[in-house]
């Protein structure tokens, strides 16, 4: 006998949209982590200078100089740590995406709590330097948090209804 999903179809569609969003974030960060590994045993400062030159930026101006100076301080150990951090983040995001796609409660809680942790940080950044991009990120994140809360509330109601029906039989 096929098992009925606990989530209603529209709710599941929304959950899968969030799953795709989380998977995209995980794959993006995984790509960055692999990029860090690709920089091992290379002269990162020289690469930064070439990138600034290729972009037709003045290497003596403020931001290109900050970028070049930061690249000068990169070590293989730092690159490995950044790659490991990116890998860990990607694993969590991809596991969350899988769980959301399959309609797992643990993934909904992970998305709710994980997204909620970013909200105060995003508000802080908007407060100190307003940009519409930051507002867009905050709105998207709040949308995910609110949707997860809604999904968890509806899941709990559906599970209670199922338990009541089972108890009456």
Protein backbone atom coordinates (compact mmCIF):
# COMPACT_ATOMS: atom_id res chain seq x y z
CA UNK A 1 0.00 0.00 0.00
CA UNK A 2 1.57 3.36 -1.00
CA UNK A 3 2.28 5.72 1.84
CA UNK A 4 0.48 9.07 1.77
CA UNK A 5 2.73 12.10 2.21
CA UNK A 6 2.08 14.23 5.30
CA UNK A 7 2.45 17.44 3.31
CA UNK A 8 -0.25 18.80 1.03
CA UNK A 9 0.77 19.21 -2.63
CA UNK A 10 1.05 23.05 -2.63
CA UNK A 11 3.04 22.92 0.59
CA UNK A 12 5.33 20.27 -0.90
CA UNK A 13 5.84 22.39 -4.04
CA UNK A 14 6.96 25.33 -1.90
CA UNK A 15 9.22 23.06 0.12
CA UNK A 16 10.87 21.85 -3.07
CA UNK A 17 11.41 25.44 -4.23
CA UNK A 18 13.21 26.14 -0.94
CA UNK A 19 15.15 22.88 -1.40
CA UNK A 20 16.38 24.05 -4.81
CA UNK A 21 17.39 27.41 -3.30
CA UNK A 22 19.35 25.68 -0.52
CA UNK A 23 20.95 23.27 -3.00
CA UNK A 24 22.04 26.22 -5.16
CA UNK A 25 23.65 27.88 -2.11
CA UNK A 26 25.39 24.64 -1.21
CA UNK A 27 26.73 24.10 -4.72
CA UNK A 28 27.90 27.71 -4.98
CA UNK A 29 29.86 27.45 -1.73
CA UNK A 30 31.18 24.02 -2.73
CA UNK A 31 32.51 25.62 -5.93
CA UNK A 32 34.18 28.34 -3.88
CA UNK A 33 35.77 25.70 -1.64
CA UNK A 34 37.12 23.84 -4.66
CA UNK A 35 38.45 27.17 -5.92
CA UNK A 36 40.34 27.60 -2.64
CA UNK A 37 41.86 24.17 -3.10
CA UNK A 38 42.89 25.16 -6.63
CA UNK A 39 44.93 28.02 -5.16
CA UNK A 40 47.09 25.73 -3.00
CA UNK A 41 50.83 26.04 -3.65
CA UNK A 42 50.32 29.04 -5.94
CA UNK A 43 51.34 32.67 -5.64
CA UNK A 44 47.94 34.09 -4.70
CA UNK A 45 49.26 37.66 -4.57
CA UNK A 46 50.44 37.44 -8.18
CA UNK A 47 47.07 35.99 -9.22
CA UNK A 48 45.30 38.87 -7.45
CA UNK A 49 47.51 41.43 -9.21
CA UNK A 50 46.77 39.79 -12.57
CA UNK A 51 43.05 39.81 -11.85
CA UNK A 52 43.14 43.51 -10.93
CA UNK A 53 45.11 44.27 -14.10
CA UNK A 54 42.73 42.14 -16.22
CA UNK A 55 39.76 44.06 -14.74
CA UNK A 56 41.39 47.37 -15.75
CA UNK A 57 41.44 48.56 -12.14
CA UNK A 58 44.07 50.81 -10.66
CA UNK A 59 46.12 48.60 -8.29
CA UNK A 60 47.00 51.68 -6.22
CA UNK A 61 43.37 52.60 -5.52
CA UNK A 62 41.70 51.62 -2.24
CA UNK A 63 39.74 48.41 -2.93
CA UNK A 64 42.09 46.76 -5.41
CA UNK A 65 44.92 47.46 -2.94
CA UNK A 66 42.96 45.84 -0.09
CA UNK A 67 42.32 42.81 -2.33
CA UNK A 68 46.00 42.49 -3.29
CA UNK A 69 47.19 42.96 0.31
CA UNK A 70 44.73 40.31 1.54
CA UNK A 71 45.95 37.91 -1.15
CA UNK A 72 49.54 38.52 -0.02
CA UNK A 73 48.65 37.17 3.44
CA UNK A 74 47.02 33.96 2.22
CA UNK A 75 48.76 30.77 3.27
CA UNK A 76 48.11 27.18 2.26
CA UNK A 77 46.83 26.50 5.79
CA UNK A 78 44.28 29.32 5.48
CA UNK A 79 43.21 28.04 2.07
CA UNK A 80 42.72 24.54 3.51
CA UNK A 81 40.70 25.95 6.42
CA UNK A 82 38.53 27.99 4.05
CA UNK A 83 38.00 24.95 1.82
CA UNK A 84 37.10 22.78 4.82
CA UNK A 85 34.65 25.39 6.10
CA UNK A 86 33.09 25.71 2.66
CA UNK A 87 32.84 21.92 2.42
CA UNK A 88 31.13 21.65 5.80
CA UNK A 89 28.68 24.43 4.92
CA UNK A 90 27.94 22.81 1.55
CA UNK A 91 27.29 19.42 3.17
CA UNK A 92 24.79 20.97 5.60
CA UNK A 93 23.03 22.94 2.82
CA UNK A 94 22.87 19.93 0.48
CA UNK A 95 21.61 17.63 3.26
CA UNK A 96 18.99 20.24 4.12
CA UNK A 97 17.97 20.46 0.45
CA UNK A 98 17.64 16.67 0.25
CA UNK A 99 15.55 16.58 3.42
CA UNK A 100 13.29 19.40 2.23
CA UNK A 101 12.83 17.70 -1.15
CA UNK A 102 11.77 14.51 0.63
CA UNK A 103 9.49 16.43 3.04
CA UNK A 104 11.48 15.56 6.19
CA UNK A 105 10.58 17.38 9.42
CA UNK A 106 14.22 17.64 10.56
CA UNK A 107 15.08 19.55 7.37
CA UNK A 108 12.22 21.98 7.95
CA UNK A 109 13.51 22.67 11.46
CA UNK A 110 17.06 23.05 10.12
CA UNK A 111 15.86 25.57 7.53
CA UNK A 112 13.82 27.48 10.10
CA UNK A 113 16.57 27.69 12.71
CA UNK A 114 19.39 28.17 10.20
CA UNK A 115 17.56 30.93 8.37
CA UNK A 116 16.47 32.56 11.61
CA UNK A 117 20.07 32.80 12.83
CA UNK A 118 20.96 34.97 9.82
CA UNK A 119 18.14 37.52 10.30
CA UNK A 120 19.77 39.58 13.11
CA UNK A 121 23.09 39.64 11.22
CA UNK A 122 21.37 40.79 8.03
CA UNK A 123 19.49 43.52 9.92
CA UNK A 124 22.77 44.66 11.48
CA UNK A 125 24.41 44.92 8.06
CA UNK A 126 21.47 46.85 6.62
CA UNK A 127 21.53 49.19 9.62
CA UNK A 128 25.23 49.99 9.16
CA UNK A 129 25.30 50.20 5.36
CA UNK A 130 22.03 50.12 3.50
CA UNK A 131 21.87 48.53 0.06
CA UNK A 132 18.89 47.14 -1.82
CA UNK A 133 20.78 43.89 -2.33
CA UNK A 134 21.00 43.40 1.45
CA UNK A 135 17.30 44.15 1.76
CA UNK A 136 16.58 41.57 -0.94
CA UNK A 137 18.65 38.95 0.89
CA UNK A 138 16.83 39.73 4.15
CA UNK A 139 13.42 39.52 2.48
CA UNK A 140 14.29 36.19 0.81
CA UNK A 141 15.61 34.80 4.09
CA UNK A 142 12.56 36.00 6.03
CA UNK A 143 10.36 34.41 3.37
CA UNK A 144 12.08 31.05 3.90
CA UNK A 145 11.82 31.35 7.71
CA UNK A 146 8.13 32.28 7.60
CA UNK A 147 7.39 29.53 5.09
CA UNK A 148 9.16 26.92 7.22
CA UNK A 149 7.21 28.03 10.30
CA UNK A 150 3.99 27.75 8.29
CA UNK A 151 4.94 24.31 6.98
CA UNK A 152 5.84 23.04 10.44
CA UNK A 153 2.58 24.38 11.88
CA UNK A 154 0.54 22.72 9.12
CA UNK A 155 2.50 19.48 9.46
CA UNK A 156 1.78 19.41 13.19
CA UNK A 157 -1.94 19.98 12.54
CA UNK A 158 -2.02 17.23 9.90
CA UNK A 159 -0.18 14.81 12.21
CA UNK A 160 -2.66 15.61 15.03
CA UNK A 161 -5.59 14.94 12.70
CA UNK A 162 -4.06 11.60 11.68
CA UNK A 163 -3.45 10.68 15.34
CA UNK A 164 -7.07 11.58 16.25
CA UNK A 165 -8.43 9.43 13.41
CA UNK A 166 -6.20 6.53 14.44
CA UNK A 167 -7.26 6.85 18.10
CA UNK A 168 -10.99 6.75 17.16
CA UNK A 169 -10.60 3.58 15.11
